N, C-alpha and C. Protein backbone atom coordinates (compact mmCIF):
# COMPACT_ATOMS: atom_id res chain seq x y z
N MET A 1 100.85 107.23 94.57
CA MET A 1 102.11 107.94 94.51
C MET A 1 102.27 108.39 93.13
N PHE A 2 101.26 108.36 92.21
CA PHE A 2 101.36 108.89 90.86
C PHE A 2 101.13 110.30 90.94
N GLY A 3 101.63 110.99 89.96
CA GLY A 3 101.78 112.36 89.99
C GLY A 3 102.97 112.75 90.73
N GLY A 4 103.58 111.67 91.23
CA GLY A 4 104.92 111.72 91.83
C GLY A 4 105.65 110.59 91.20
N SER A 5 105.93 109.52 91.92
CA SER A 5 106.61 108.39 91.31
C SER A 5 106.15 107.12 92.08
N TYR A 6 106.46 106.02 91.44
CA TYR A 6 106.06 104.74 92.13
C TYR A 6 107.22 103.84 91.94
N GLY A 7 107.22 102.77 92.82
CA GLY A 7 108.26 101.80 92.69
C GLY A 7 108.27 100.86 93.90
N MET A 8 109.09 99.84 93.65
CA MET A 8 109.26 98.72 94.67
C MET A 8 110.24 99.36 95.62
N PRO A 9 110.06 99.21 96.93
CA PRO A 9 111.02 99.67 97.91
C PRO A 9 112.44 99.02 97.76
N GLY A 10 113.36 99.78 97.87
CA GLY A 10 114.84 99.20 97.77
C GLY A 10 115.14 98.96 96.41
N SER A 11 114.38 99.29 95.32
CA SER A 11 114.63 98.87 93.95
C SER A 11 114.92 100.13 93.14
N ASN A 12 115.70 99.96 92.09
CA ASN A 12 115.96 100.99 91.16
C ASN A 12 114.89 101.03 90.03
N ARG A 13 114.01 99.95 90.06
CA ARG A 13 113.02 99.89 88.97
C ARG A 13 111.68 100.11 89.60
N THR A 14 110.80 100.69 88.79
CA THR A 14 109.53 100.92 89.24
C THR A 14 108.53 99.89 88.65
N SER A 15 108.89 99.23 87.65
CA SER A 15 108.15 98.07 87.13
C SER A 15 109.12 97.25 86.43
N SER A 16 108.89 95.93 86.25
CA SER A 16 109.85 95.03 85.59
C SER A 16 109.68 95.17 84.10
N PRO A 17 110.85 95.54 83.46
CA PRO A 17 110.79 95.61 81.98
C PRO A 17 110.74 94.26 81.33
N ALA A 18 110.50 94.20 80.04
CA ALA A 18 110.37 92.96 79.31
C ALA A 18 111.61 92.23 79.59
N GLY A 19 111.53 90.99 79.71
CA GLY A 19 112.60 90.01 79.89
C GLY A 19 112.87 89.73 81.35
N SER A 20 112.23 90.48 82.29
CA SER A 20 112.42 90.19 83.68
C SER A 20 111.36 89.27 84.19
N THR A 21 111.52 88.65 85.34
CA THR A 21 110.61 87.81 85.90
C THR A 21 109.48 88.51 86.46
N VAL A 22 108.29 88.39 85.86
CA VAL A 22 107.14 89.11 86.33
C VAL A 22 105.96 88.02 86.31
N SER A 23 105.20 87.99 87.38
CA SER A 23 104.08 87.08 87.34
C SER A 23 102.82 87.84 87.71
N ARG A 24 101.72 87.48 87.08
CA ARG A 24 100.36 88.07 87.59
C ARG A 24 99.76 87.12 88.51
N SER A 25 99.16 87.63 89.47
CA SER A 25 98.34 86.78 90.31
C SER A 25 97.03 86.23 89.64
N THR A 26 96.54 85.24 90.11
CA THR A 26 95.32 84.71 89.55
C THR A 26 94.09 85.38 90.28
N PHE A 27 94.46 86.16 91.28
CA PHE A 27 93.37 86.83 92.03
C PHE A 27 93.06 88.23 91.44
N THR A 28 91.82 88.63 91.36
CA THR A 28 91.41 89.81 90.70
C THR A 28 92.00 91.00 91.51
N ASN A 29 92.36 92.03 90.80
CA ASN A 29 92.87 93.26 91.46
C ASN A 29 94.19 93.23 92.21
N ASN A 30 94.94 92.13 91.84
CA ASN A 30 96.28 92.09 92.44
C ASN A 30 97.29 91.99 91.34
N TRP A 31 98.46 92.39 91.74
CA TRP A 31 99.63 92.27 90.79
C TRP A 31 100.82 91.83 91.61
N ALA A 32 101.56 90.83 91.02
CA ALA A 32 102.77 90.45 91.82
C ALA A 32 103.94 90.66 90.95
N GLY A 33 105.03 91.15 91.44
CA GLY A 33 106.21 91.43 90.61
C GLY A 33 107.39 91.06 91.37
N VAL A 34 108.37 90.45 90.69
CA VAL A 34 109.58 90.05 91.42
C VAL A 34 110.64 91.17 91.29
N ASP A 35 111.22 91.57 92.38
CA ASP A 35 112.21 92.61 92.40
C ASP A 35 113.48 92.10 91.78
N ASP A 36 113.81 92.60 90.66
CA ASP A 36 114.91 92.18 89.85
C ASP A 36 116.10 92.99 90.14
N ASN A 37 116.17 93.67 91.26
CA ASN A 37 117.34 94.49 91.62
C ASN A 37 118.21 93.79 92.51
N GLY A 38 118.01 92.54 92.73
CA GLY A 38 118.94 91.69 93.41
C GLY A 38 118.54 91.52 94.96
N ASN A 39 117.35 92.08 95.38
CA ASN A 39 116.90 92.06 96.72
C ASN A 39 116.17 90.61 96.90
N GLY A 40 115.85 89.92 95.80
CA GLY A 40 115.21 88.59 95.99
C GLY A 40 114.06 88.51 96.72
N SER A 41 113.09 89.33 96.25
CA SER A 41 111.78 89.34 97.04
C SER A 41 110.68 89.53 95.96
N THR A 42 109.45 89.34 96.43
CA THR A 42 108.29 89.51 95.54
C THR A 42 107.33 90.43 96.25
N TYR A 43 106.80 91.29 95.50
CA TYR A 43 105.73 92.35 96.03
C TYR A 43 104.35 92.15 95.38
N VAL A 44 103.40 92.46 96.11
CA VAL A 44 102.03 92.41 95.62
C VAL A 44 101.41 93.84 95.77
N VAL A 45 100.75 94.28 94.67
CA VAL A 45 100.09 95.51 94.73
C VAL A 45 98.56 95.16 94.59
N TYR A 46 97.68 95.69 95.46
CA TYR A 46 96.31 95.41 95.55
C TYR A 46 95.51 96.69 95.97
N ASN A 47 94.27 96.63 95.83
CA ASN A 47 93.48 97.76 96.14
C ASN A 47 92.58 97.60 97.28
N THR A 48 92.27 98.71 98.00
CA THR A 48 91.25 98.74 99.09
C THR A 48 89.84 99.18 98.45
N ASP A 49 88.82 98.91 99.01
CA ASP A 49 87.57 99.38 98.47
C ASP A 49 87.36 100.95 98.69
N ILE A 50 86.45 101.50 98.00
CA ILE A 50 86.24 102.95 97.95
C ILE A 50 85.89 103.54 99.44
N ALA A 51 85.28 102.61 100.27
CA ALA A 51 84.93 102.99 101.60
C ALA A 51 86.19 103.12 102.46
N HIS A 52 87.14 102.50 102.11
CA HIS A 52 88.45 102.56 102.74
C HIS A 52 89.55 103.35 102.01
N GLY A 53 89.07 104.20 101.17
CA GLY A 53 89.98 105.16 100.55
C GLY A 53 90.26 104.88 99.06
N GLY A 54 89.98 103.55 98.63
CA GLY A 54 90.23 103.36 97.18
C GLY A 54 91.64 103.37 96.77
N LYS A 55 92.58 103.16 97.70
CA LYS A 55 93.99 103.28 97.51
C LYS A 55 94.60 101.96 96.97
N LEU A 56 95.71 102.08 96.29
CA LEU A 56 96.56 100.88 95.92
C LEU A 56 97.59 100.71 97.09
N MET A 57 97.69 99.44 97.53
CA MET A 57 98.67 99.18 98.60
C MET A 57 99.68 98.26 98.09
N ILE A 58 100.88 98.16 98.81
CA ILE A 58 101.88 97.28 98.43
C ILE A 58 102.33 96.50 99.71
N THR A 59 102.58 95.21 99.39
CA THR A 59 103.05 94.31 100.38
C THR A 59 104.16 93.41 99.94
N GLU A 60 105.19 93.28 100.66
CA GLU A 60 106.37 92.46 100.31
C GLU A 60 105.93 91.02 100.77
N VAL A 61 105.93 90.03 99.94
CA VAL A 61 105.50 88.64 100.35
C VAL A 61 106.67 87.66 100.30
N GLY A 62 107.83 88.07 99.77
CA GLY A 62 108.89 87.07 99.66
C GLY A 62 108.69 86.15 98.42
N ASN A 63 109.78 85.53 98.02
CA ASN A 63 109.70 84.65 96.90
C ASN A 63 108.72 83.48 97.06
N ASP A 64 108.64 82.98 98.32
CA ASP A 64 107.64 81.87 98.58
C ASP A 64 106.36 82.25 99.08
N PHE A 65 106.05 83.53 99.17
CA PHE A 65 104.81 84.08 99.72
C PHE A 65 104.63 83.77 101.20
N SER A 66 105.71 83.47 102.01
CA SER A 66 105.60 83.23 103.38
C SER A 66 105.83 84.51 104.18
N LYS A 67 106.16 85.53 103.60
CA LYS A 67 106.42 86.84 104.31
C LYS A 67 105.19 87.75 104.10
N ARG A 68 104.93 88.65 105.03
CA ARG A 68 103.98 89.66 104.95
C ARG A 68 104.31 90.93 105.59
N ASP A 69 104.98 91.72 104.82
CA ASP A 69 105.47 93.04 105.25
C ASP A 69 104.65 94.19 104.49
N HIS A 70 103.66 94.68 105.22
CA HIS A 70 102.82 95.71 104.65
C HIS A 70 103.64 96.98 104.58
N LEU A 71 103.91 97.44 103.32
CA LEU A 71 104.66 98.66 103.19
C LEU A 71 103.99 99.93 102.91
N GLY A 72 102.59 99.83 102.88
CA GLY A 72 101.78 101.05 102.88
C GLY A 72 101.24 101.30 101.63
N VAL A 73 100.83 102.65 101.41
CA VAL A 73 100.23 103.12 100.22
C VAL A 73 101.19 103.22 99.05
N PHE A 74 100.71 102.56 97.93
CA PHE A 74 101.56 102.68 96.72
C PHE A 74 101.12 103.79 95.78
N HIS A 75 99.68 103.97 95.74
CA HIS A 75 99.09 105.10 95.06
C HIS A 75 97.77 105.46 95.71
N THR A 76 97.76 106.86 95.91
CA THR A 76 96.54 107.40 96.44
C THR A 76 95.77 108.07 95.32
N PRO A 77 94.42 107.58 95.14
CA PRO A 77 93.64 108.08 94.02
C PRO A 77 93.30 109.57 94.11
N LEU A 78 93.27 110.25 92.93
CA LEU A 78 92.92 111.59 92.96
C LEU A 78 91.39 111.67 93.25
N ALA A 79 91.04 112.81 93.92
CA ALA A 79 89.67 113.00 94.31
C ALA A 79 88.73 113.26 92.98
N GLY A 80 89.36 113.88 91.93
CA GLY A 80 88.67 114.20 90.70
C GLY A 80 89.10 113.20 89.67
N ALA A 81 88.82 113.57 88.50
CA ALA A 81 89.17 112.61 87.31
C ALA A 81 90.69 112.51 87.16
N PRO A 82 91.09 111.38 86.74
CA PRO A 82 90.29 110.30 86.23
C PRO A 82 90.00 109.26 87.38
N ASP A 83 90.65 109.41 88.57
CA ASP A 83 90.39 108.40 89.55
C ASP A 83 89.07 108.48 90.37
N ASN A 84 88.58 109.69 90.53
CA ASN A 84 87.30 109.92 91.21
C ASN A 84 87.25 109.15 92.52
N GLY A 85 88.37 109.12 93.29
CA GLY A 85 88.42 108.47 94.58
C GLY A 85 88.68 106.98 94.70
N ARG A 86 88.98 106.37 93.49
CA ARG A 86 89.23 104.92 93.52
C ARG A 86 90.18 104.51 92.49
N SER A 87 91.21 103.72 92.87
CA SER A 87 92.08 103.11 91.82
C SER A 87 92.16 101.62 92.10
N ALA A 88 92.16 100.78 91.06
CA ALA A 88 92.13 99.25 91.28
C ALA A 88 92.82 98.60 90.08
N ALA A 89 92.98 97.37 90.27
CA ALA A 89 93.43 96.42 89.20
C ALA A 89 94.66 96.92 88.42
N PRO A 90 95.78 97.18 89.09
CA PRO A 90 96.96 97.75 88.46
C PRO A 90 97.68 96.63 87.58
N SER A 91 98.17 97.14 86.54
CA SER A 91 99.10 96.39 85.71
C SER A 91 100.17 97.33 85.23
N PHE A 92 101.37 96.74 85.09
CA PHE A 92 102.55 97.64 84.86
C PHE A 92 103.31 97.26 83.54
N GLY A 93 103.97 98.26 82.98
CA GLY A 93 104.68 97.94 81.79
C GLY A 93 105.65 99.16 81.51
N THR A 94 106.49 98.86 80.50
CA THR A 94 107.54 99.78 80.07
C THR A 94 107.42 100.00 78.59
N TYR A 95 107.46 101.25 78.11
CA TYR A 95 107.32 101.57 76.77
C TYR A 95 108.41 102.69 76.52
N GLN A 96 109.26 102.40 75.55
CA GLN A 96 110.34 103.34 75.19
C GLN A 96 111.01 103.94 76.35
N GLY A 97 111.36 103.01 77.34
CA GLY A 97 112.10 103.31 78.53
C GLY A 97 111.38 104.00 79.61
N ARG A 98 110.04 104.28 79.45
CA ARG A 98 109.27 104.84 80.49
C ARG A 98 108.38 103.81 81.11
N GLU A 99 108.24 103.91 82.38
CA GLU A 99 107.27 102.94 83.12
C GLU A 99 105.98 103.53 83.29
N TYR A 100 105.04 102.62 83.17
CA TYR A 100 103.62 103.03 83.19
C TYR A 100 102.76 102.05 84.12
N MET A 101 101.65 102.64 84.67
CA MET A 101 100.65 101.76 85.34
C MET A 101 99.44 102.00 84.61
N ILE A 102 98.75 100.95 84.19
CA ILE A 102 97.35 101.03 83.68
C ILE A 102 96.49 100.46 84.71
N TYR A 103 95.43 101.11 85.04
CA TYR A 103 94.61 100.66 86.17
C TYR A 103 93.08 101.11 85.95
N GLU A 104 92.18 100.54 86.72
CA GLU A 104 90.81 100.95 86.82
C GLU A 104 90.67 102.11 87.60
N ALA A 105 89.92 103.14 87.14
CA ALA A 105 89.73 104.38 87.87
C ALA A 105 88.30 104.67 88.03
N GLY A 106 87.88 105.08 89.21
CA GLY A 106 86.44 105.42 89.47
C GLY A 106 85.68 104.30 90.06
N GLU A 107 84.35 104.47 90.24
CA GLU A 107 83.60 103.48 90.83
C GLU A 107 83.59 102.22 90.04
N ARG A 108 83.38 101.16 90.78
CA ARG A 108 83.41 99.82 90.18
C ARG A 108 82.12 99.71 89.24
N LEU A 109 82.47 99.11 88.08
CA LEU A 109 81.34 98.89 87.05
C LEU A 109 80.95 100.24 86.37
N ALA A 110 81.47 101.39 86.82
CA ALA A 110 81.11 102.61 86.16
C ALA A 110 82.45 103.40 85.98
N GLY A 111 83.57 102.69 85.98
CA GLY A 111 84.80 103.49 85.96
C GLY A 111 85.44 103.56 84.56
N ASN A 112 86.69 103.88 84.53
CA ASN A 112 87.48 104.12 83.21
C ASN A 112 88.66 103.40 83.43
N ILE A 113 89.35 103.19 82.32
CA ILE A 113 90.79 102.68 82.30
C ILE A 113 91.65 103.90 82.30
N ALA A 114 92.61 103.98 83.23
CA ALA A 114 93.50 105.14 83.26
C ALA A 114 94.91 104.68 83.07
N ILE A 115 95.80 105.60 82.78
CA ILE A 115 97.21 105.30 82.58
C ILE A 115 97.98 106.34 83.38
N ALA A 116 98.98 105.91 84.08
CA ALA A 116 99.83 106.84 84.81
C ALA A 116 101.32 106.60 84.49
N ARG A 117 102.16 107.57 84.31
CA ARG A 117 103.50 107.46 83.98
C ARG A 117 104.36 107.70 85.28
N ALA A 118 105.34 106.94 85.44
CA ALA A 118 106.25 107.18 86.60
C ALA A 118 107.11 108.39 86.25
N VAL A 119 107.28 109.16 87.33
CA VAL A 119 108.06 110.38 87.15
C VAL A 119 109.18 110.37 88.14
């Protein structure tokens, strides 16, 4: 959804700013963030392999990870640079009031680090 916008469903925030409750998963290529808009839930953003589109997907898992509500595509990679058909390992942050996603773009072990700004 970059080149457009990105965010947690039902939230006014696209990533949690400094001071919010944010946790990173210990699993490679996953990111977990707590929705601090009062909805009281946790979301995980993860990638599919390039054979399945190389997309970043989002799933609501609830605060105790007992829920599994697949919400669909979070980001579809660009066919050309920088994504070259694959996006993976997202991390999120805020700088000077703008939200960003830093991620792995391109083929595994031959890719680049890319940055996308929410719009």
